[in-house]
Structure formats: C-alpha cells, structure tokens
Amino acid sequence: MFPPAAGRRKDEVMLNKLWFWMLIFLLVMFFFLYSAPPPQEGTFSIYYREEEVGYERYVWETHEKGYTLRVEGQLTKPVDVEIEELSIQVNKSFIPTGYYFKGSISGVEKEIESTITDGYVENKIEVQGQKQRETTQIKRNAFLLPNPLFSPYMILAKKYDCHLQKERRASAYIIPQTETQITIKPIEDNPCSLKVLMNHTEIRLRTNSRGSLKSIHIPSQYLKVTRSNLGGPAR
C-alpha cells in the first residue's frame, strides 16, 4: 500500500522547508566565518621640535586578497605636505601590489598611480600637469615608504609586530624615486619596539602586542608621531 498523495505532498513540503532552513543556516555560518573584519581607523599626530605640525588619518582594511591602507592628512613643518588621498595595497604576506598618491609636497601638486607585480613597478606620474610613465624593478618584498609620509610604516610594524628576534635586512622603495636597503632590529628588552636604520637615519617604531603601530620617533630630524584611535578595533 502506498501513502495517500496528500500525505506524500505534505512530507515533500516539510522536507523542502527543512532544506531551506539548512541552507540559510549554512549561509549565515559562512558569512560569520569568512566575512572581513571591520576597518581599523585612527589618527597619527605629528610633532616637530615638540610643536604639533600635522596629522595623518588612516583606515586599514582587510579583504580577500590582503590589506589596503588609506590615508589623508597634512603637514606644515619641516616641509609642507597635503595628502588628498594615499592608498597602498599589499597581499597577505605584506608584499606590495599597488600604490596611489594625490596631493602636494612643498607646494608641488603630484598624482602617482603604481601597479606592482612580483617586483615589477609601473608608475604613472603627473606633476604640475605634466604626465610621464616609467617602469622599474624592485625587490618583490620591498616596503613602500614614500617620503615624507609616516602611515606606511604601519605595514612594516604589522609584518614584524612583536616577533622579530634578531636583526633583519630588508628593502624600502621610496616610491617613486629610489630603492634603498634598511636594517630592522628589535630594541633590547622591548620586543614590541623596532629600530629601523635607513641611510644613516635611525627610525624608532613602537607597537602593541598585535603589531599595531603606536608611535614613530626620528631623533635626528626632531620628529615624533603618536597615534590615537578614531573607531574600529585598535588591533
């Protein structure tokens, strides 16, 4: 004997509902496990000879391919800087993949857009309305440290956080001008602080236990930079 048709239809409806709610549950779990964390936001206050002379406001975003640092800000001393927009893209290993800057340095308006693939850099540069395109080769894992900006040191701090045990040699691309060698070493008795030596200049970085940059000190240039959070987790 077969069950009545009405009974079979009722079972089918219940089974369909069960599959529907199981699908919803799986989608919710997938979103919870794999959705990107909220952006981290904050502001770096910049001091020159103990006088506050500027700021850099940043947003650190996590996405499927890596991370993006976005910055805006200004500086009045020791050089005039206006950052309308700055962005640096890196992959999950902090290897750079893209760069963009729009603003002015010492009154000179600049716009730079760079794509980076395995150390091969293509720069599109516009200065005071004059456009040019150039290519160069850098070390694949070079840090992008445009001068005279400070927020990009966040990437160096996040890569090494408090785990650097001994001196490391690395490369920095002062984009778009030149590539230079840097030495990075932990400060004795303070594993969450790093000393960066670049062209005979000492740069001291202080981080928290999760590699979030808290301050920068460049003694020879009388510069100090300190961070305050605006919103989002301070990681």
C-alpha atoms as a PDB file:
ATOM      1  CA  MET A   1       0.000   0.000   0.000  1.00  0.00           C
ATOM      2  CA  PHE A   2       1.294   3.477  -0.918  1.00  0.00           C
ATOM      3  CA  PRO A   3       0.579   6.515   1.309  1.00  0.00           C
ATOM      4  CA  PRO A   4      -2.133   8.837   0.012  1.00  0.00           C
ATOM      5  CA  ALA A   5      -0.988  11.544  -2.429  1.00  0.00           C
ATOM      6  CA  ALA A   6      -1.894  14.288   0.061  1.00  0.00           C
ATOM      7  CA  GLY A   7       0.381  12.717   2.670  1.00  0.00           C
ATOM      8  CA  ARG A   8       3.252  12.499   0.216  1.00  0.00           C
ATOM      9  CA  ARG A   9       2.857  16.168  -0.711  1.00  0.00           C
ATOM     10  CA  LYS A  10       2.858  17.142   2.969  1.00  0.00           C
ATOM     11  CA  ASP A  11       6.107  15.225   3.531  1.00  0.00           C
ATOM     12  CA  GLU A  12       7.653  16.881   0.491  1.00  0.00           C
ATOM     13  CA  VAL A  13       6.713  20.364   1.756  1.00  0.00           C
ATOM     14  CA  MET A  14       8.220  19.638   5.165  1.00  0.00           C
ATOM     15  CA  LEU A  15      11.402  18.280   3.544  1.00  0.00           C
ATOM     16  CA  ASN A  16      11.704  21.355   1.331  1.00  0.00           C
ATOM     17  CA  LYS A  17      11.303  23.614   4.361  1.00  0.00           C
ATOM     18  CA  LEU A  18      13.991  21.649   6.186  1.00  0.00           C
ATOM     19  CA  TRP A  19      16.425  22.039   3.270  1.00  0.00           C
ATOM     20  CA  PHE A  20      15.593  25.737   3.039  1.00  0.00           C
ATOM     21  CA  TRP A  21      16.411  26.423   6.697  1.00  0.00           C
ATOM     22  CA  MET A  22      19.560  24.289   6.498  1.00  0.00           C
ATOM     23  CA  LEU A  23      20.714  26.396   3.536  1.00  0.00           C
ATOM     24  CA  ILE A  24      20.028  29.624   5.428  1.00  0.00           C
ATOM     25  CA  PHE A  25      21.988  28.295   8.423  1.00  0.00           C
ATOM     26  CA  LEU A  26      24.976  27.374   6.230  1.00  0.00           C
ATOM     27  CA  LEU A  27      24.955  30.786   4.538  1.00  0.00           C
ATOM     28  CA  VAL A  28      24.891  32.564   7.900  1.00  0.00           C
ATOM     29  CA  MET A  29      27.757  30.428   9.189  1.00  0.00           C
ATOM     30  CA  PHE A  30      29.764  31.051   6.024  1.00  0.00           C
ATOM     31  CA  PHE A  31      29.246  34.816   6.326  1.00  0.00           C
ATOM     32  CA  PHE A  32      30.190  34.759  10.009  1.00  0.00           C
ATOM     33  CA  LEU A  33      33.376  32.781   9.434  1.00  0.00           C
ATOM     34  CA  TYR A  34      34.653  34.427   6.260  1.00  0.00           C
ATOM     35  CA  SER A  35      33.388  37.993   6.319  1.00  0.00           C
ATOM     36  CA  ALA A  36      36.146  40.612   6.556  1.00  0.00           C
ATOM     37  CA  PRO A  37      36.715  42.244   9.954  1.00  0.00           C
ATOM     38  CA  PRO A  38      35.687  45.882  10.298  1.00  0.00           C
ATOM     39  CA  PRO A  39      38.209  48.535   9.208  1.00  0.00           C
ATOM     40  CA  GLN A  40      40.696  49.866  11.744  1.00  0.00           C
ATOM     41  CA  GLU A  41      40.753  53.649  11.953  1.00  0.00           C
ATOM     42  CA  GLY A  42      42.914  56.172  13.722  1.00  0.00           C
ATOM     43  CA  THR A  43      44.947  59.355  13.507  1.00  0.00           C
ATOM     44  CA  PHE A  44      48.669  59.956  13.777  1.00  0.00           C
ATOM     45  CA  SER A  45      49.560  63.343  15.274  1.00  0.00           C
ATOM     46  CA  ILE A  46      52.892  64.702  14.019  1.00  0.00           C
ATOM     47  CA  TYR A  47      55.265  66.811  16.132  1.00  0.00           C
ATOM     48  CA  TYR A  48      58.347  68.714  15.003  1.00  0.00           C
ATOM     49  CA  ARG A  49      60.591  70.120  17.758  1.00  0.00           C
ATOM     50  CA  GLU A  50      57.748  69.410  20.206  1.00  0.00           C
ATOM     51  CA  GLU A  51      55.277  71.510  18.168  1.00  0.00           C
ATOM     52  CA  GLU A  52      52.237  69.793  16.647  1.00  0.00           C
ATOM     53  CA  VAL A  53      52.544  70.390  12.916  1.00  0.00           C
ATOM     54  CA  GLY A  54      50.209  67.936  11.224  1.00  0.00           C
ATOM     55  CA  TYR A  55      48.258  64.707  11.170  1.00  0.00           C
ATOM     56  CA  GLU A  56      47.636  61.605   9.091  1.00  0.00           C
ATOM     57  CA  ARG A  57      44.218  59.957   9.344  1.00  0.00           C
ATOM     58  CA  TYR A  58      44.243  56.314   8.274  1.00  0.00           C
ATOM     59  CA  VAL A  59      41.920  53.394   7.556  1.00  0.00           C
ATOM     60  CA  TRP A  60      43.301  49.828   7.492  1.00  0.00           C
ATOM     61  CA  GLU A  61      41.074  47.419   5.559  1.00  0.00           C
ATOM     62  CA  THR A  62      41.243  43.627   5.354  1.00  0.00           C
ATOM     63  CA  HIS A  63      39.923  41.905   2.254  1.00  0.00           C
ATOM     64  CA  GLU A  64      40.155  38.603   0.404  1.00  0.00           C
ATOM     65  CA  LYS A  65      43.447  39.365  -1.358  1.00  0.00           C
ATOM     66  CA  GLY A  66      45.228  41.124   1.517  1.00  0.00           C
ATOM     67  CA  TYR A  67      45.144  44.593   3.037  1.00  0.00           C
ATOM     68  CA  THR A  68      44.665  48.199   1.965  1.00  0.00           C
ATOM     69  CA  LEU A  69      45.954  51.254   3.831  1.00  0.00           C
ATOM     70  CA  ARG A  70      44.138  54.521   3.078  1.00  0.00           C
ATOM     71  CA  VAL A  71      45.412  57.870   4.357  1.00  0.00           C
ATOM     72  CA  GLU A  72      44.581  61.572   4.245  1.00  0.00           C
ATOM     73  CA  GLY A  73      46.280  64.405   6.095  1.00  0.00           C
ATOM     74  CA  GLN A  74      48.595  67.370   6.087  1.00  0.00           C
ATOM     75  CA  LEU A  75      51.942  68.588   7.409  1.00  0.00           C
ATOM     76  CA  THR A  76      53.300  72.133   7.742  1.00  0.00           C
ATOM     77  CA  LYS A  77      56.839  71.528   9.068  1.00  0.00           C
ATOM     78  CA  PRO A  78      59.621  70.690   8.277  1.00  0.00           C
ATOM     79  CA  VAL A  79      58.033  70.509   4.804  1.00  0.00           C
ATOM     80  CA  ASP A  80      54.559  71.362   3.501  1.00  0.00           C
ATOM     81  CA  VAL A  81      52.552  68.241   2.625  1.00  0.00           C
ATOM     82  CA  GLU A  82      48.905  67.876   1.639  1.00  0.00           C
ATOM     83  CA  ILE A  83      47.604  64.310   1.333  1.00  0.00           C
ATOM     84  CA  GLU A  84      44.305  64.303  -0.513  1.00  0.00           C
ATOM     85  CA  GLU A  85      44.440  60.559  -0.969  1.00  0.00           C
ATOM     86  CA  LEU A  86      47.022  57.864  -0.330  1.00  0.00           C
ATOM     87  CA  SER A  87      46.469  54.133  -0.684  1.00  0.00           C
ATOM     88  CA  ILE A  88      48.799  51.148  -0.512  1.00  0.00           C
ATOM     89  CA  GLN A  89      47.696  47.607  -1.332  1.00  0.00           C
ATOM     90  CA  VAL A  90      49.595  44.556  -0.072  1.00  0.00           C
ATOM     91  CA  ASN A  91      48.844  40.851  -0.139  1.00  0.00           C
ATOM     92  CA  LYS A  92      48.514  38.582   2.898  1.00  0.00           C
ATOM     93  CA  SER A  93      52.337  38.382   3.119  1.00  0.00           C
ATOM     94  CA  PHE A  94      52.601  42.209   3.055  1.00  0.00           C
ATOM     95  CA  ILE A  95      54.110  42.190  -0.443  1.00  0.00           C
ATOM     96  CA  PRO A  96      53.064  45.391  -2.263  1.00  0.00           C
ATOM     97  CA  THR A  97      50.690  45.195  -5.226  1.00  0.00           C
ATOM     98  CA  GLY A  98      49.530  48.793  -5.711  1.00  0.00           C
ATOM     99  CA  TYR A  99      50.057  52.428  -4.733  1.00  0.00           C
ATOM    100  CA  TYR A 100      48.249  55.722  -5.257  1.00  0.00           C
ATOM    101  CA  PHE A 101      49.019  59.262  -4.091  1.00  0.00           C
ATOM    102  CA  LYS A 102      47.273  62.522  -4.827  1.00  0.00           C
ATOM    103  CA  GLY A 103      48.303  65.734  -3.096  1.00  0.00           C
ATOM    104  CA  SER A 104      51.140  68.218  -2.900  1.00  0.00           C
ATOM    105  CA  ILE A 105      54.659  68.293  -1.448  1.00  0.00           C
ATOM    106  CA  SER A 106      56.371  71.674  -0.957  1.00  0.00           C
ATOM    107  CA  GLY A 107      53.571  73.256  -2.987  1.00  0.00           C
ATOM    108  CA  VAL A 108      54.099  70.950  -5.972  1.00  0.00           C
ATOM    109  CA  GLU A 109      50.961  69.051  -6.959  1.00  0.00           C
ATOM    110  CA  LYS A 110      51.506  65.360  -7.666  1.00  0.00           C
ATOM    111  CA  GLU A 111      49.482  62.334  -8.635  1.00  0.00           C
ATOM    112  CA  ILE A 112      51.138  58.917  -8.721  1.00  0.00           C
ATOM    113  CA  GLU A 113      49.477  55.618  -9.586  1.00  0.00           C
ATOM    114  CA  SER A 114      51.558  52.448  -9.440  1.00  0.00           C
ATOM    115  CA  THR A 115      50.879  48.810 -10.199  1.00  0.00           C
ATOM    116  CA  ILE A 116      53.342  46.266  -8.806  1.00  0.00           C
ATOM    117  CA  THR A 117      53.647  42.648  -9.921  1.00  0.00           C
ATOM    118  CA  ASP A 118      56.414  40.447  -8.495  1.00  0.00           C
ATOM    119  CA  GLY A 119      58.675  43.477  -8.036  1.00  0.00           C
ATOM    120  CA  TYR A 120      57.990  44.963 -11.460  1.00  0.00           C
ATOM    121  CA  VAL A 121      56.661  48.507 -10.973  1.00  0.00           C
ATOM    122  CA  GLU A 122      54.821  50.643 -13.475  1.00  0.00           C
ATOM    123  CA  ASN A 123      54.439  54.264 -12.311  1.00  0.00           C
ATOM    124  CA  LYS A 124      52.082  56.768 -13.891  1.00  0.00           C
ATOM    125  CA  ILE A 125      53.174  60.186 -12.628  1.00  0.00           C
ATOM    126  CA  GLU A 126      51.621  63.608 -13.071  1.00  0.00           C
ATOM    127  CA  VAL A 127      53.469  66.634 -11.663  1.00  0.00           C
ATOM    128  CA  GLN A 128      52.032  70.123 -12.137  1.00  0.00           C
ATOM    129  CA  GLY A 129      50.006  68.853 -15.092  1.00  0.00           C
ATOM    130  CA  GLN A 130      52.966  67.134 -16.789  1.00  0.00           C
ATOM    131  CA  LYS A 131      52.441  63.394 -17.266  1.00  0.00           C
ATOM    132  CA  GLN A 132      55.019  60.668 -17.583  1.00  0.00           C
ATOM    133  CA  ARG A 133      55.189  56.901 -17.333  1.00  0.00           C
ATOM    134  CA  GLU A 134      58.152  54.906 -16.048  1.00  0.00           C
ATOM    135  CA  THR A 135      58.965  51.355 -15.063  1.00  0.00           C
ATOM    136  CA  THR A 136      61.451  49.933 -12.598  1.00  0.00           C
ATOM    137  CA  GLN A 137      62.336  46.689 -10.854  1.00  0.00           C
ATOM    138  CA  ILE A 138      62.454  46.394  -7.065  1.00  0.00           C
ATOM    139  CA  LYS A 139      62.735  43.510  -4.640  1.00  0.00           C
ATOM    140  CA  ARG A 140      59.430  41.681  -4.525  1.00  0.00           C
ATOM    141  CA  ASN A 141      59.021  42.143  -0.758  1.00  0.00           C
ATOM    142  CA  ALA A 142      60.223  45.753  -0.557  1.00  0.00           C
ATOM    143  CA  PHE A 143      58.329  48.084   1.763  1.00  0.00           C
ATOM    144  CA  LEU A 144      56.747  51.135   0.140  1.00  0.00           C
ATOM    145  CA  LEU A 145      57.920  54.118   2.224  1.00  0.00           C
ATOM    146  CA  PRO A 146      57.112  57.335   0.343  1.00  0.00           C
ATOM    147  CA  ASN A 147      58.866  60.384   1.749  1.00  0.00           C
ATOM    148  CA  PRO A 148      57.888  62.366   3.846  1.00  0.00           C
ATOM    149  CA  LEU A 149      54.887  60.241   4.944  1.00  0.00           C
ATOM    150  CA  PHE A 150      54.553  58.211   8.136  1.00  0.00           C
ATOM    151  CA  SER A 151      51.480  55.945   7.985  1.00  0.00           C
ATOM    152  CA  PRO A 152      53.159  53.475   5.554  1.00  0.00           C
ATOM    153  CA  TYR A 153      55.364  52.344   8.462  1.00  0.00           C
ATOM    154  CA  MET A 154      52.208  50.598   9.711  1.00  0.00           C
ATOM    155  CA  ILE A 155      52.849  47.850   7.161  1.00  0.00           C
ATOM    156  CA  LEU A 156      56.370  47.229   8.435  1.00  0.00           C
ATOM    157  CA  ALA A 157      55.101  47.145  12.027  1.00  0.00           C
ATOM    158  CA  LYS A 158      52.278  44.731  11.189  1.00  0.00           C
ATOM    159  CA  LYS A 159      54.621  42.360   9.378  1.00  0.00           C
ATOM    160  CA  TYR A 160      57.072  42.021  12.272  1.00  0.00           C
ATOM    161  CA  ASP A 161      54.831  43.017  15.252  1.00  0.00           C
ATOM    162  CA  CYS A 162      56.477  41.681  18.435  1.00  0.00           C
ATOM    163  CA  HIS A 163      58.012  38.566  16.868  1.00  0.00           C
ATOM    164  CA  LEU A 164      61.281  39.886  15.472  1.00  0.00           C
ATOM    165  CA  GLN A 165      64.043  38.176  17.436  1.00  0.00           C
ATOM    166  CA  LYS A 166      67.147  39.315  15.599  1.00  0.00           C
ATOM    167  CA  GLU A 167      68.370  41.868  13.088  1.00  0.00           C
ATOM    168  CA  ARG A 168      66.893  41.673   9.598  1.00  0.00           C
ATOM    169  CA  ARG A 169      67.926  43.233   6.301  1.00  0.00           C
ATOM    170  CA  ALA A 170      65.156  44.453   4.045  1.00  0.00           C
ATOM    171  CA  SER A 171      64.475  46.777   1.156  1.00  0.00           C
ATOM    172  CA  ALA A 172      62.493  50.019   1.051  1.00  0.00           C
ATOM    173  CA  TYR A 173      61.193  51.662  -2.097  1.00  0.00           C
ATOM    174  CA  ILE A 174      60.984  55.431  -1.593  1.00  0.00           C
ATOM    175  CA  ILE A 175      58.316  55.459  -4.237  1.00  0.00           C
ATOM    176  CA  PRO A 176      58.695  56.609  -6.951  1.00  0.00           C
ATOM    177  CA  GLN A 177      62.320  57.779  -6.564  1.00  0.00           C
ATOM    178  CA  THR A 178      64.674  55.031  -5.431  1.00  0.00           C
ATOM    179  CA  GLU A 179      65.128  51.727  -3.633  1.00  0.00           C
ATOM    180  CA  THR A 180      67.385  51.509  -0.602  1.00  0.00           C
ATOM    181  CA  GLN A 181      68.472  48.908   1.922  1.00  0.00           C
ATOM    182  CA  ILE A 182      67.243  49.114   5.509  1.00  0.00           C
ATOM    183  CA  THR A 183      68.164  47.289   8.693  1.00  0.00           C
ATOM    184  CA  ILE A 184      65.436  46.340  11.157  1.00  0.00           C
ATOM    185  CA  LYS A 185      66.248  45.185  14.663  1.00  0.00           C
ATOM    186  CA  PRO A 186      64.295  44.742  17.911  1.00  0.00           C
ATOM    187  CA  ILE A 187      65.142  47.147  20.707  1.00  0.00           C
ATOM    188  CA  GLU A 188      66.716  45.308  23.617  1.00  0.00           C
ATOM    189  CA  ASP A 189      64.315  44.460  26.476  1.00  0.00           C
ATOM    190  CA  ASN A 190      61.373  45.749  24.429  1.00  0.00           C
ATOM    191  CA  PRO A 191      60.315  43.219  21.751  1.00  0.00           C
ATOM    192  CA  CYS A 192      57.389  45.427  20.670  1.00  0.00           C
ATOM    193  CA  SER A 193      59.748  48.221  19.622  1.00  0.00           C
ATOM    194  CA  LEU A 194      61.784  48.238  16.424  1.00  0.00           C
ATOM    195  CA  LYS A 195      64.763  50.257  15.272  1.00  0.00           C
ATOM    196  CA  VAL A 196      64.967  50.921  11.532  1.00  0.00           C
ATOM    197  CA  LEU A 197      68.231  52.195  10.046  1.00  0.00           C
ATOM    198  CA  MET A 198      67.853  53.854   6.657  1.00  0.00           C
ATOM    199  CA  ASN A 199      70.660  55.812   5.004  1.00  0.00           C
ATOM    200  CA  HIS A 200      72.289  56.589   8.386  1.00  0.00           C
ATOM    201  CA  THR A 201      68.921  57.740   9.810  1.00  0.00           C
ATOM    202  CA  GLU A 202      67.530  55.957  12.867  1.00  0.00           C
ATOM    203  CA  ILE A 203      63.743  55.496  12.998  1.00  0.00           C
ATOM    204  CA  ARG A 204      62.199  54.028  16.134  1.00  0.00           C
ATOM    205  CA  LEU A 205      58.818  52.305  15.933  1.00  0.00           C
ATOM    206  CA  ARG A 206      56.734  51.344  18.947  1.00  0.00           C
ATOM    207  CA  THR A 207      53.910  48.820  18.517  1.00  0.00           C
ATOM    208  CA  ASN A 208      51.459  46.967  20.716  1.00  0.00           C
ATOM    209  CA  SER A 209      51.401  43.177  21.170  1.00  0.00           C
ATOM    210  CA  ARG A 210      49.388  42.739  17.949  1.00  0.00           C
ATOM    211  CA  GLY A 211      51.709  44.765  15.720  1.00  0.00           C
ATOM    212  CA  SER A 212      49.652  47.950  15.610  1.00  0.00           C
ATOM    213  CA  LEU A 213      51.921  50.987  15.235  1.00  0.00           C
ATOM    214  CA  LYS A 214      51.669  53.345  18.215  1.00  0.00           C
ATOM    215  CA  SER A 215      54.468  55.837  17.629  1.00  0.00           C
ATOM    216  CA  ILE A 216      57.406  56.838  15.446  1.00  0.00           C
ATOM    217  CA  HIS A 217      60.464  58.732  16.635  1.00  0.00           C
ATOM    218  CA  ILE A 218      63.183  60.106  14.326  1.00  0.00           C
ATOM    219  CA  PRO A 219      65.629  61.805  16.738  1.00  0.00           C
ATOM    220  CA  SER A 220      67.968  63.278  14.112  1.00  0.00           C
ATOM    221  CA  GLN A 221      65.054  65.074  12.431  1.00  0.00           C
ATOM    222  CA  TYR A 222      63.303  66.155  15.673  1.00  0.00           C
ATOM    223  CA  LEU A 223      60.152  64.313  14.586  1.00  0.00           C
ATOM    224  CA  LYS A 224      57.686  62.375  16.738  1.00  0.00           C
ATOM    225  CA  VAL A 225      54.460  60.750  15.624  1.00  0.00           C
ATOM    226  CA  THR A 226      51.843  59.340  18.003  1.00  0.00           C
ATOM    227  CA  ARG A 227      48.582  57.503  17.328  1.00  0.00           C
ATOM    228  CA  SER A 228      45.077  57.971  18.686  1.00  0.00           C
ATOM    229  CA  ASN A 229      42.133  55.768  17.653  1.00  0.00           C
ATOM    230  CA  LEU A 230      39.008  57.135  15.992  1.00  0.00           C
ATOM    231  CA  GLY A 231      36.995  53.973  15.695  1.00  0.00           C
ATOM    232  CA  GLY A 232      37.088  50.286  14.891  1.00  0.00           C
ATOM    233  CA  PRO A 233      39.284  47.825  16.727  1.00  0.00           C
ATOM    234  CA  ALA A 234      42.745  49.123  17.533  1.00  0.00           C
ATOM    235  CA  ARG A 235      44.497  45.873  16.606  1.00  0.00           C
END
